[in-house]
PDB file of N, CA and C in Angstrom:
ATOM      1  N   UNK A   1     141.528 128.535  81.601  1.00  0.00           N
ATOM      2  CA  UNK A   1     141.415 129.241  80.354  1.00  0.00           C
ATOM      3  C   UNK A   1     140.800 128.352  79.270  1.00  0.00           C
ATOM      4  N   UNK A   2     141.101 127.076  79.312  1.00  0.00           N
ATOM      5  CA  UNK A   2     140.546 126.159  78.314  1.00  0.00           C
ATOM      6  C   UNK A   2     139.031 126.096  78.426  1.00  0.00           C
ATOM      7  N   UNK A   3     138.509 126.052  79.661  1.00  0.00           N
ATOM      8  CA  UNK A   3     137.053 126.013  79.851  1.00  0.00           C
ATOM      9  C   UNK A   3     136.408 127.304  79.353  1.00  0.00           C
ATOM     10  N   UNK A   4     137.033 128.435  79.599  1.00  0.00           N
ATOM     11  CA  UNK A   4     136.517 129.719  79.130  1.00  0.00           C
ATOM     12  C   UNK A   4     136.495 129.765  77.607  1.00  0.00           C
ATOM     13  N   UNK A   5     137.575 129.325  76.975  1.00  0.00           N
ATOM     14  CA  UNK A   5     137.627 129.317  75.517  1.00  0.00           C
ATOM     15  C   UNK A   5     136.602 128.365  74.920  1.00  0.00           C
ATOM     16  N   UNK A   6     136.380 127.227  75.557  1.00  0.00           N
ATOM     17  CA  UNK A   6     135.457 126.225  75.018  1.00  0.00           C
ATOM     18  C   UNK A   6     134.000 126.634  75.168  1.00  0.00           C
ATOM     19  N   UNK A   7     133.641 127.226  76.323  1.00  0.00           N
ATOM     20  CA  UNK A   7     132.228 127.477  76.597  1.00  0.00           C
ATOM     21  C   UNK A   7     131.852 128.948  76.713  1.00  0.00           C
ATOM     22  N   UNK A   8     132.846 129.804  76.942  1.00  0.00           N
ATOM     23  CA  UNK A   8     132.541 131.211  77.187  1.00  0.00           C
ATOM     24  C   UNK A   8     132.162 131.478  78.628  1.00  0.00           C
ATOM     25  N   UNK A   9     132.216 130.454  79.468  1.00  0.00           N
ATOM     26  CA  UNK A   9     131.850 130.571  80.878  1.00  0.00           C
ATOM     27  C   UNK A   9     132.990 130.084  81.760  1.00  0.00           C
ATOM     28  N   UNK A  10     133.054 130.628  82.969  1.00  0.00           N
ATOM     29  CA  UNK A  10     134.042 130.154  83.939  1.00  0.00           C
ATOM     30  C   UNK A  10     133.317 129.675  85.187  1.00  0.00           C
ATOM     31  N   UNK A  11     133.901 128.690  85.856  1.00  0.00           N
ATOM     32  CA  UNK A  11     133.300 128.166  87.081  1.00  0.00           C
ATOM     33  C   UNK A  11     133.922 128.776  88.325  1.00  0.00           C
ATOM     34  N   UNK A  12     135.083 129.399  88.165  1.00  0.00           N
ATOM     35  CA  UNK A  12     135.720 130.072  89.297  1.00  0.00           C
ATOM     36  C   UNK A  12     136.393 131.347  88.809  1.00  0.00           C
ATOM     37  N   UNK A  13     136.664 132.225  89.738  1.00  0.00           N
ATOM     38  CA  UNK A  13     137.267 133.515  89.418  1.00  0.00           C
ATOM     39  C   UNK A  13     138.689 133.304  88.884  1.00  0.00           C
ATOM     40  N   UNK A  14     139.020 133.966  87.766  1.00  0.00           N
ATOM     41  CA  UNK A  14     140.375 133.826  87.223  1.00  0.00           C
ATOM     42  C   UNK A  14     141.425 134.382  88.181  1.00  0.00           C
ATOM     43  N   UNK A  15     142.618 133.864  88.098  1.00  0.00           N
ATOM     44  CA  UNK A  15     143.757 134.371  88.844  1.00  0.00           C
ATOM     45  C   UNK A  15     144.348 135.506  88.008  1.00  0.00           C
ATOM     46  N   UNK A  16     143.914 136.738  88.291  1.00  0.00           N
ATOM     47  CA  UNK A  16     144.321 137.872  87.470  1.00  0.00           C
ATOM     48  C   UNK A  16     145.812 138.161  87.568  1.00  0.00           C
ATOM     49  N   UNK A  17     146.434 137.888  88.713  1.00  0.00           N
ATOM     50  CA  UNK A  17     147.871 138.095  88.858  1.00  0.00           C
ATOM     51  C   UNK A  17     148.629 137.165  87.910  1.00  0.00           C
ATOM     52  N   UNK A  18     148.243 135.892  87.852  1.00  0.00           N
ATOM     53  CA  UNK A  18     148.899 134.929  86.967  1.00  0.00           C
ATOM     54  C   UNK A  18     148.615 135.259  85.504  1.00  0.00           C
ATOM     55  N   UNK A  19     147.379 135.635  85.206  1.00  0.00           N
ATOM     56  CA  UNK A  19     147.010 135.986  83.840  1.00  0.00           C
ATOM     57  C   UNK A  19     147.781 137.220  83.374  1.00  0.00           C
ATOM     58  N   UNK A  20     147.904 138.218  84.258  1.00  0.00           N
ATOM     59  CA  UNK A  20     148.667 139.415  83.929  1.00  0.00           C
ATOM     60  C   UNK A  20     150.128 139.102  83.675  1.00  0.00           C
ATOM     61  N   UNK A  21     150.700 138.223  84.484  1.00  0.00           N
ATOM     62  CA  UNK A  21     152.102 137.840  84.303  1.00  0.00           C
ATOM     63  C   UNK A  21     152.308 137.130  82.966  1.00  0.00           C
ATOM     64  N   UNK A  22     151.374 136.283  82.577  1.00  0.00           N
ATOM     65  CA  UNK A  22     151.490 135.552  81.313  1.00  0.00           C
ATOM     66  C   UNK A  22     151.317 136.449  80.092  1.00  0.00           C
ATOM     67  N   UNK A  23     150.460 137.457  80.215  1.00  0.00           N
ATOM     68  CA  UNK A  23     150.130 138.292  79.059  1.00  0.00           C
ATOM     69  C   UNK A  23     150.865 139.622  79.035  1.00  0.00           C
ATOM     70  N   UNK A  24     151.501 139.978  80.149  1.00  0.00           N
ATOM     71  CA  UNK A  24     152.168 141.269  80.228  1.00  0.00           C
ATOM     72  C   UNK A  24     151.197 142.410  80.468  1.00  0.00           C
ATOM     73  N   UNK A  25     149.995 142.105  80.957  1.00  0.00           N
ATOM     74  CA  UNK A  25     148.973 143.114  81.225  1.00  0.00           C
ATOM     75  C   UNK A  25     148.829 143.352  82.720  1.00  0.00           C
ATOM     76  N   UNK A  26     148.261 144.483  83.077  1.00  0.00           N
ATOM     77  CA  UNK A  26     148.071 144.871  84.476  1.00  0.00           C
ATOM     78  C   UNK A  26     146.947 144.045  85.101  1.00  0.00           C
ATOM     79  N   UNK A  27     147.239 143.239  86.139  1.00  0.00           N
ATOM     80  CA  UNK A  27     146.214 142.382  86.751  1.00  0.00           C
ATOM     81  C   UNK A  27     145.023 143.166  87.301  1.00  0.00           C
ATOM     82  N   UNK A  28     145.271 144.317  87.925  1.00  0.00           N
ATOM     83  CA  UNK A  28     144.170 145.113  88.471  1.00  0.00           C
ATOM     84  C   UNK A  28     143.239 145.620  87.388  1.00  0.00           C
ATOM     85  N   UNK A  29     143.825 146.042  86.272  1.00  0.00           N
ATOM     86  CA  UNK A  29     143.007 146.523  85.162  1.00  0.00           C
ATOM     87  C   UNK A  29     142.246 145.378  84.505  1.00  0.00           C
ATOM     88  N   UNK A  30     142.875 144.206  84.390  1.00  0.00           N
ATOM     89  CA  UNK A  30     142.163 143.034  83.863  1.00  0.00           C
ATOM     90  C   UNK A  30     140.940 142.708  84.714  1.00  0.00           C
ATOM     91  N   UNK A  31     141.131 142.745  86.030  1.00  0.00           N
ATOM     92  CA  UNK A  31     140.011 142.456  86.936  1.00  0.00           C
ATOM     93  C   UNK A  31     138.923 143.515  86.810  1.00  0.00           C
ATOM     94  N   UNK A  32     139.317 144.773  86.665  1.00  0.00           N
ATOM     95  CA  UNK A  32     138.337 145.837  86.480  1.00  0.00           C
ATOM     96  C   UNK A  32     137.487 145.631  85.239  1.00  0.00           C
ATOM     97  N   UNK A  33     138.137 145.264  84.125  1.00  0.00           N
ATOM     98  CA  UNK A  33     137.407 144.986  82.886  1.00  0.00           C
ATOM     99  C   UNK A  33     136.467 143.804  83.080  1.00  0.00           C
ATOM    100  N   UNK A  34     136.953 142.759  83.743  1.00  0.00           N
ATOM    101  CA  UNK A  34     136.114 141.575  84.005  1.00  0.00           C
ATOM    102  C   UNK A  34     134.909 141.935  84.869  1.00  0.00           C
ATOM    103  N   UNK A  35     135.047 142.941  85.723  1.00  0.00           N
ATOM    104  CA  UNK A  35     133.949 143.357  86.593  1.00  0.00           C
ATOM    105  C   UNK A  35     133.056 144.420  85.968  1.00  0.00           C
ATOM    106  N   UNK A  36     133.269 144.718  84.674  1.00  0.00           N
ATOM    107  CA  UNK A  36     132.350 145.601  83.973  1.00  0.00           C
ATOM    108  C   UNK A  36     132.846 146.999  83.675  1.00  0.00           C
ATOM    109  N   UNK A  37     134.118 147.314  83.980  1.00  0.00           N
ATOM    110  CA  UNK A  37     134.630 148.653  83.670  1.00  0.00           C
ATOM    111  C   UNK A  37     134.618 148.879  82.173  1.00  0.00           C
ATOM    112  N   UNK A  38     134.203 150.067  81.758  1.00  0.00           N
ATOM    113  CA  UNK A  38     134.293 150.501  80.363  1.00  0.00           C
ATOM    114  C   UNK A  38     134.876 151.914  80.346  1.00  0.00           C
ATOM    115  N   UNK A  39     135.587 152.283  79.294  1.00  0.00           N
ATOM    116  CA  UNK A  39     136.157 153.630  79.248  1.00  0.00           C
ATOM    117  C   UNK A  39     135.069 154.686  79.165  1.00  0.00           C
ATOM    118  N   UNK A  40     135.360 155.870  79.685  1.00  0.00           N
ATOM    119  CA  UNK A  40     134.387 156.960  79.625  1.00  0.00           C
ATOM    120  C   UNK A  40     134.307 157.509  78.204  1.00  0.00           C
ATOM    121  N   UNK A  41     133.154 158.082  77.874  1.00  0.00           N
ATOM    122  CA  UNK A  41     132.966 158.695  76.563  1.00  0.00           C
ATOM    123  C   UNK A  41     133.822 159.952  76.472  1.00  0.00           C
ATOM    124  N   UNK A  42     134.385 160.203  75.307  1.00  0.00           N
ATOM    125  CA  UNK A  42     135.215 161.374  75.082  1.00  0.00           C
ATOM    126  C   UNK A  42     134.464 162.383  74.217  1.00  0.00           C
ATOM    127  N   UNK A  43     134.637 163.663  74.518  1.00  0.00           N
ATOM    128  CA  UNK A  43     134.034 164.728  73.726  1.00  0.00           C
ATOM    129  C   UNK A  43     134.958 165.051  72.565  1.00  0.00           C
ATOM    130  N   UNK A  44     134.558 164.680  71.361  1.00  0.00           N
ATOM    131  CA  UNK A  44     135.374 164.899  70.176  1.00  0.00           C
ATOM    132  C   UNK A  44     134.915 166.106  69.370  1.00  0.00           C
ATOM    133  N   UNK A  45     133.952 166.873  69.893  1.00  0.00           N
ATOM    134  CA  UNK A  45     133.347 167.955  69.123  1.00  0.00           C
ATOM    135  C   UNK A  45     134.317 169.089  68.784  1.00  0.00           C
ATOM    136  N   UNK A  46     135.364 169.260  69.556  1.00  0.00           N
ATOM    137  CA  UNK A  46     136.296 170.350  69.256  1.00  0.00           C
ATOM    138  C   UNK A  46     137.222 170.024  68.091  1.00  0.00           C
ATOM    139  N   UNK A  47     137.283 168.775  67.678  1.00  0.00           N
ATOM    140  CA  UNK A  47     138.123 168.359  66.557  1.00  0.00           C
ATOM    141  C   UNK A  47     137.278 168.330  65.294  1.00  0.00           C
ATOM    142  N   UNK A  48     137.467 169.290  64.411  1.00  0.00           N
ATOM    143  CA  UNK A  48     136.647 169.388  63.207  1.00  0.00           C
ATOM    144  C   UNK A  48     136.946 168.288  62.194  1.00  0.00           C
ATOM    145  N   UNK A  49     138.170 167.794  62.163  1.00  0.00           N
ATOM    146  CA  UNK A  49     138.566 166.778  61.190  1.00  0.00           C
ATOM    147  C   UNK A  49     138.734 165.404  61.834  1.00  0.00           C
ATOM    148  N   UNK A  50     137.844 165.069  62.738  1.00  0.00           N
ATOM    149  CA  UNK A  50     137.884 163.780  63.416  1.00  0.00           C
ATOM    150  C   UNK A  50     136.468 163.264  63.599  1.00  0.00           C
ATOM    151  N   UNK A  51     136.232 162.034  63.200  1.00  0.00           N
ATOM    152  CA  UNK A  51     134.919 161.423  63.381  1.00  0.00           C
ATOM    153  C   UNK A  51     135.073 160.071  64.053  1.00  0.00           C
ATOM    154  N   UNK A  52     134.144 159.785  64.945  1.00  0.00           N
ATOM    155  CA  UNK A  52     134.047 158.488  65.598  1.00  0.00           C
ATOM    156  C   UNK A  52     132.952 157.707  64.888  1.00  0.00           C
ATOM    157  N   UNK A  53     133.269 156.505  64.459  1.00  0.00           N
ATOM    158  CA  UNK A  53     132.303 155.628  63.799  1.00  0.00           C
ATOM    159  C   UNK A  53     132.237 154.353  64.630  1.00  0.00           C
ATOM    160  N   UNK A  54     131.051 153.973  65.069  1.00  0.00           N
ATOM    161  CA  UNK A  54     130.885 152.822  65.950  1.00  0.00           C
ATOM    162  C   UNK A  54     130.195 151.685  65.208  1.00  0.00           C
ATOM    163  N   UNK A  55     130.733 150.482  65.334  1.00  0.00           N
ATOM    164  CA  UNK A  55     130.091 149.290  64.781  1.00  0.00           C
ATOM    165  C   UNK A  55     129.922 148.258  65.895  1.00  0.00           C
ATOM    166  N   UNK A  56     128.884 147.473  65.784  1.00  0.00           N
ATOM    167  CA  UNK A  56     128.563 146.485  66.805  1.00  0.00           C
ATOM    168  C   UNK A  56     128.333 145.121  66.159  1.00  0.00           C
ATOM    169  N   UNK A  57     128.784 144.078  66.849  1.00  0.00           N
ATOM    170  CA  UNK A  57     128.568 142.708  66.394  1.00  0.00           C
ATOM    171  C   UNK A  57     128.511 141.812  67.624  1.00  0.00           C
ATOM    172  N   UNK A  58     127.443 141.029  67.756  1.00  0.00           N
ATOM    173  CA  UNK A  58     127.297 140.098  68.881  1.00  0.00           C
ATOM    174  C   UNK A  58     127.525 140.775  70.236  1.00  0.00           C
ATOM    175  N   UNK A  59     126.871 141.888  70.462  1.00  0.00           N
ATOM    176  CA  UNK A  59     126.950 142.625  71.732  1.00  0.00           C
ATOM    177  C   UNK A  59     128.333 143.192  72.034  1.00  0.00           C
ATOM    178  N   UNK A  60     129.226 143.264  71.055  1.00  0.00           N
ATOM    179  CA  UNK A  60     130.535 143.877  71.260  1.00  0.00           C
ATOM    180  C   UNK A  60     130.633 145.095  70.340  1.00  0.00           C
ATOM    181  N   UNK A  61     130.986 146.229  70.920  1.00  0.00           N
ATOM    182  CA  UNK A  61     131.090 147.473  70.172  1.00  0.00           C
ATOM    183  C   UNK A  61     132.553 147.815  69.928  1.00  0.00           C
ATOM    184  N   UNK A  62     132.848 148.239  68.705  1.00  0.00           N
ATOM    185  CA  UNK A  62     134.200 148.641  68.330  1.00  0.00           C
ATOM    186  C   UNK A  62     134.133 150.052  67.761  1.00  0.00           C
ATOM    187  N   UNK A  63     134.997 150.924  68.252  1.00  0.00           N
ATOM    188  CA  UNK A  63     135.065 152.286  67.745  1.00  0.00           C
ATOM    189  C   UNK A  63     136.137 152.392  66.676  1.00  0.00           C
ATOM    190  N   UNK A  64     135.829 153.141  65.635  1.00  0.00           N
ATOM    191  CA  UNK A  64     136.721 153.412  64.531  1.00  0.00           C
ATOM    192  C   UNK A  64     136.864 154.930  64.448  1.00  0.00           C
ATOM    193  N   UNK A  65     138.043 155.417  64.109  1.00  0.00           N
ATOM    194  CA  UNK A  65     138.271 156.858  64.039  1.00  0.00           C
ATOM    195  C   UNK A  65     138.753 157.241  62.645  1.00  0.00           C
ATOM    196  N   UNK A  66     138.131 158.252  62.057  1.00  0.00           N
ATOM    197  CA  UNK A  66     138.519 158.789  60.769  1.00  0.00           C
ATOM    198  C   UNK A  66     139.079 160.189  61.001  1.00  0.00           C
ATOM    199  N   UNK A  67     140.319 160.421  60.546  1.00  0.00           N
ATOM    200  CA  UNK A  67     140.994 161.710  60.693  1.00  0.00           C
ATOM    201  C   UNK A  67     141.404 162.159  59.298  1.00  0.00           C
ATOM    202  N   UNK A  68     141.216 163.456  58.992  1.00  0.00           N
ATOM    203  CA  UNK A  68     141.586 163.939  57.672  1.00  0.00           C
ATOM    204  C   UNK A  68     142.102 165.364  57.715  1.00  0.00           C
ATOM    205  N   UNK A  69     142.802 165.722  56.634  1.00  0.00           N
ATOM    206  CA  UNK A  69     143.301 167.081  56.444  1.00  0.00           C
ATOM    207  C   UNK A  69     142.330 167.789  55.514  1.00  0.00           C
ATOM    208  N   UNK A  70     141.780 168.893  55.967  1.00  0.00           N
ATOM    209  CA  UNK A  70     140.766 169.626  55.213  1.00  0.00           C
ATOM    210  C   UNK A  70     141.309 170.156  53.882  1.00  0.00           C
ATOM    211  N   UNK A  71     142.572 170.527  53.838  1.00  0.00           N
ATOM    212  CA  UNK A  71     143.152 171.115  52.623  1.00  0.00           C
ATOM    213  C   UNK A  71     143.522 170.034  51.605  1.00  0.00           C
ATOM    214  N   UNK A  72     144.309 169.057  52.013  1.00  0.00           N
ATOM    215  CA  UNK A  72     144.786 168.035  51.071  1.00  0.00           C
ATOM    216  C   UNK A  72     143.749 166.936  50.823  1.00  0.00           C
ATOM    217  N   UNK A  73     142.797 166.812  51.747  1.00  0.00           N
ATOM    218  CA  UNK A  73     141.758 165.770  51.687  1.00  0.00           C
ATOM    219  C   UNK A  73     142.333 164.368  51.901  1.00  0.00           C
ATOM    220  N   UNK A  74     143.559 164.275  52.418  1.00  0.00           N
ATOM    221  CA  UNK A  74     144.121 162.986  52.786  1.00  0.00           C
ATOM    222  C   UNK A  74     143.507 162.557  54.105  1.00  0.00           C
ATOM    223  N   UNK A  75     143.278 161.252  54.243  1.00  0.00           N
ATOM    224  CA  UNK A  75     142.614 160.743  55.443  1.00  0.00           C
ATOM    225  C   UNK A  75     143.277 159.460  55.920  1.00  0.00           C
ATOM    226  N   UNK A  76     143.077 159.182  57.202  1.00  0.00           N
ATOM    227  CA  UNK A  76     143.550 157.947  57.808  1.00  0.00           C
ATOM    228  C   UNK A  76     142.439 157.370  58.666  1.00  0.00           C
ATOM    229  N   UNK A  77     142.319 156.066  58.643  1.00  0.00           N
ATOM    230  CA  UNK A  77     141.301 155.358  59.403  1.00  0.00           C
ATOM    231  C   UNK A  77     142.001 154.483  60.438  1.00  0.00           C
ATOM    232  N   UNK A  78     141.594 154.602  61.706  1.00  0.00           N
ATOM    233  CA  UNK A  78     142.182 153.819  62.795  1.00  0.00           C
ATOM    234  C   UNK A  78     141.157 152.854  63.357  1.00  0.00           C
ATOM    235  N   UNK A  79     141.576 151.640  63.695  1.00  0.00           N
ATOM    236  CA  UNK A  79     140.703 150.642  64.314  1.00  0.00           C
ATOM    237  C   UNK A  79     139.428 150.478  63.488  1.00  0.00           C
ATOM    238  N   UNK A  80     139.518 149.785  62.400  1.00  0.00           N
ATOM    239  CA  UNK A  80     138.465 149.770  61.385  1.00  0.00           C
ATOM    240  C   UNK A  80     137.134 149.159  61.790  1.00  0.00           C
ATOM    241  N   UNK A  81     136.984 148.622  62.974  1.00  0.00           N
ATOM    242  CA  UNK A  81     135.685 148.143  63.428  1.00  0.00           C
ATOM    243  C   UNK A  81     135.309 146.792  62.839  1.00  0.00           C
ATOM    244  N   UNK A  82     134.018 146.456  62.974  1.00  0.00           N
ATOM    245  CA  UNK A  82     133.517 145.146  62.529  1.00  0.00           C
ATOM    246  C   UNK A  82     133.287 145.094  61.036  1.00  0.00           C
ATOM    247  N   UNK A  83     132.748 146.158  60.469  1.00  0.00           N
ATOM    248  CA  UNK A  83     132.510 146.167  59.035  1.00  0.00           C
ATOM    249  C   UNK A  83     132.655 147.589  58.510  1.00  0.00           C
ATOM    250  N   UNK A  84     132.863 147.710  57.214  1.00  0.00           N
ATOM    251  CA  UNK A  84     133.166 149.011  56.618  1.00  0.00           C
ATOM    252  C   UNK A  84     131.931 149.807  56.205  1.00  0.00           C
ATOM    253  N   UNK A  85     130.754 149.207  56.194  1.00  0.00           N
ATOM    254  CA  UNK A  85     129.566 149.897  55.684  1.00  0.00           C
ATOM    255  C   UNK A  85     129.339 151.264  56.326  1.00  0.00           C
ATOM    256  N   UNK A  86     129.396 151.426  57.652  1.00  0.00           N
ATOM    257  CA  UNK A  86     129.168 152.765  58.224  1.00  0.00           C
ATOM    258  C   UNK A  86     130.234 153.783  57.817  1.00  0.00           C
ATOM    259  N   UNK A  87     131.406 153.327  57.431  1.00  0.00           N
ATOM    260  CA  UNK A  87     132.476 154.230  57.044  1.00  0.00           C
ATOM    261  C   UNK A  87     132.151 154.885  55.705  1.00  0.00           C
ATOM    262  N   UNK A  88     131.509 154.151  54.815  1.00  0.00           N
ATOM    263  CA  UNK A  88     131.222 154.676  53.464  1.00  0.00           C
ATOM    264  C   UNK A  88     130.057 155.643  53.439  1.00  0.00           C
ATOM    265  N   UNK A  89     129.313 155.749  54.519  1.00  0.00           N
ATOM    266  CA  UNK A  89     128.157 156.650  54.539  1.00  0.00           C
ATOM    267  C   UNK A  89     128.572 158.078  54.626  1.00  0.00           C
TER     268      UNK A  89
END
Protein backbone atom coordinates (compact mmCIF):
# COMPACT_ATOMS: atom_id res chain seq x y z
CA UNK A 1 0.00 0.00 0.00
CA UNK A 2 2.88 2.37 0.71
CA UNK A 3 4.24 1.93 -2.84
CA UNK A 4 0.78 2.57 -4.30
CA UNK A 5 0.33 5.72 -2.22
CA UNK A 6 3.81 6.99 -3.10
CA UNK A 7 3.77 6.36 -6.85
CA UNK A 8 0.23 5.50 -7.90
CA UNK A 9 1.55 2.21 -9.29
CA UNK A 10 1.75 -1.33 -7.95
CA UNK A 11 4.29 -4.01 -8.82
CA UNK A 12 2.10 -6.93 -7.79
CA UNK A 13 -1.59 -7.68 -7.49
CA UNK A 14 -3.08 -6.51 -4.18
CA UNK A 15 -4.34 -9.07 -1.68
CA UNK A 16 -8.01 -8.11 -1.91
CA UNK A 17 -9.04 -10.48 0.90
CA UNK A 18 -6.60 -8.80 3.32
CA UNK A 19 -7.50 -5.32 2.08
CA UNK A 20 -11.21 -6.08 2.49
CA UNK A 21 -10.65 -7.35 6.03
CA UNK A 22 -8.73 -4.19 6.96
CA UNK A 23 -11.25 -1.79 5.45
CA UNK A 24 -14.49 -3.66 6.07
CA UNK A 25 -15.19 -3.78 2.31
CA UNK A 26 -16.14 -6.72 0.09
CA UNK A 27 -12.93 -8.22 -1.41
CA UNK A 28 -14.69 -9.42 -4.59
CA UNK A 29 -16.16 -5.99 -5.23
CA UNK A 30 -12.79 -4.32 -4.57
CA UNK A 31 -11.20 -6.59 -7.15
CA UNK A 32 -13.98 -5.85 -9.62
CA UNK A 33 -13.42 -2.11 -9.27
CA UNK A 34 -9.66 -2.61 -9.67
CA UNK A 35 -10.36 -4.55 -12.88
CA UNK A 36 -12.40 -1.71 -14.36
CA UNK A 37 -15.99 -2.24 -13.16
CA UNK A 38 -18.11 0.91 -13.19
CA UNK A 39 -21.77 1.26 -12.18
CA UNK A 40 -24.36 1.24 -14.94
CA UNK A 41 -26.03 4.48 -15.98
CA UNK A 42 -29.42 5.10 -14.39
CA UNK A 43 -32.46 6.56 -16.17
CA UNK A 44 -33.50 9.55 -14.07
CA UNK A 45 -35.97 10.98 -16.61
CA UNK A 46 -39.06 9.86 -14.71
CA UNK A 47 -38.08 12.02 -11.71
CA UNK A 48 -39.10 15.59 -12.51
CA UNK A 49 -37.46 17.10 -9.41
CA UNK A 50 -34.11 15.33 -9.67
CA UNK A 51 -31.04 16.36 -11.63
CA UNK A 52 -27.69 14.65 -12.08
CA UNK A 53 -24.74 17.03 -12.30
CA UNK A 54 -21.37 15.55 -13.28
CA UNK A 55 -17.96 17.08 -12.59
CA UNK A 56 -14.58 15.75 -13.63
CA UNK A 57 -11.06 16.34 -12.33
CA UNK A 58 -7.87 14.48 -13.32
CA UNK A 59 -9.76 11.72 -15.17
CA UNK A 60 -12.04 11.06 -12.17
CA UNK A 61 -15.76 11.74 -12.51
CA UNK A 62 -18.02 12.53 -9.55
CA UNK A 63 -21.80 12.64 -9.76
CA UNK A 64 -23.80 15.17 -7.76
CA UNK A 65 -27.57 15.00 -7.30
CA UNK A 66 -29.94 17.95 -6.83
CA UNK A 67 -33.42 17.14 -5.47
CA UNK A 68 -36.13 19.73 -4.85
CA UNK A 69 -39.77 20.24 -3.95
CA UNK A 70 -41.63 22.01 -6.74
CA UNK A 71 -44.09 23.71 -4.36
CA UNK A 72 -41.86 24.89 -1.49
CA UNK A 73 -38.76 25.30 -3.71
CA UNK A 74 -36.64 23.72 -0.96
CA UNK A 75 -33.71 21.74 -2.32
CA UNK A 76 -31.00 19.36 -1.20
CA UNK A 77 -27.67 18.63 -2.86
CA UNK A 78 -25.99 15.22 -2.45
CA UNK A 79 -22.34 14.37 -3.20
CA UNK A 80 -21.29 17.87 -4.21
CA UNK A 81 -18.66 16.81 -6.77
CA UNK A 82 -15.33 18.46 -7.57
CA UNK A 83 -16.50 22.04 -7.90
CA UNK A 84 -19.72 24.00 -7.57
CA UNK A 85 -19.66 25.89 -10.89
CA UNK A 86 -21.91 23.43 -12.81
CA UNK A 87 -24.41 23.51 -9.95
CA UNK A 88 -24.98 27.27 -10.30
CA UNK A 89 -25.82 27.03 -14.00
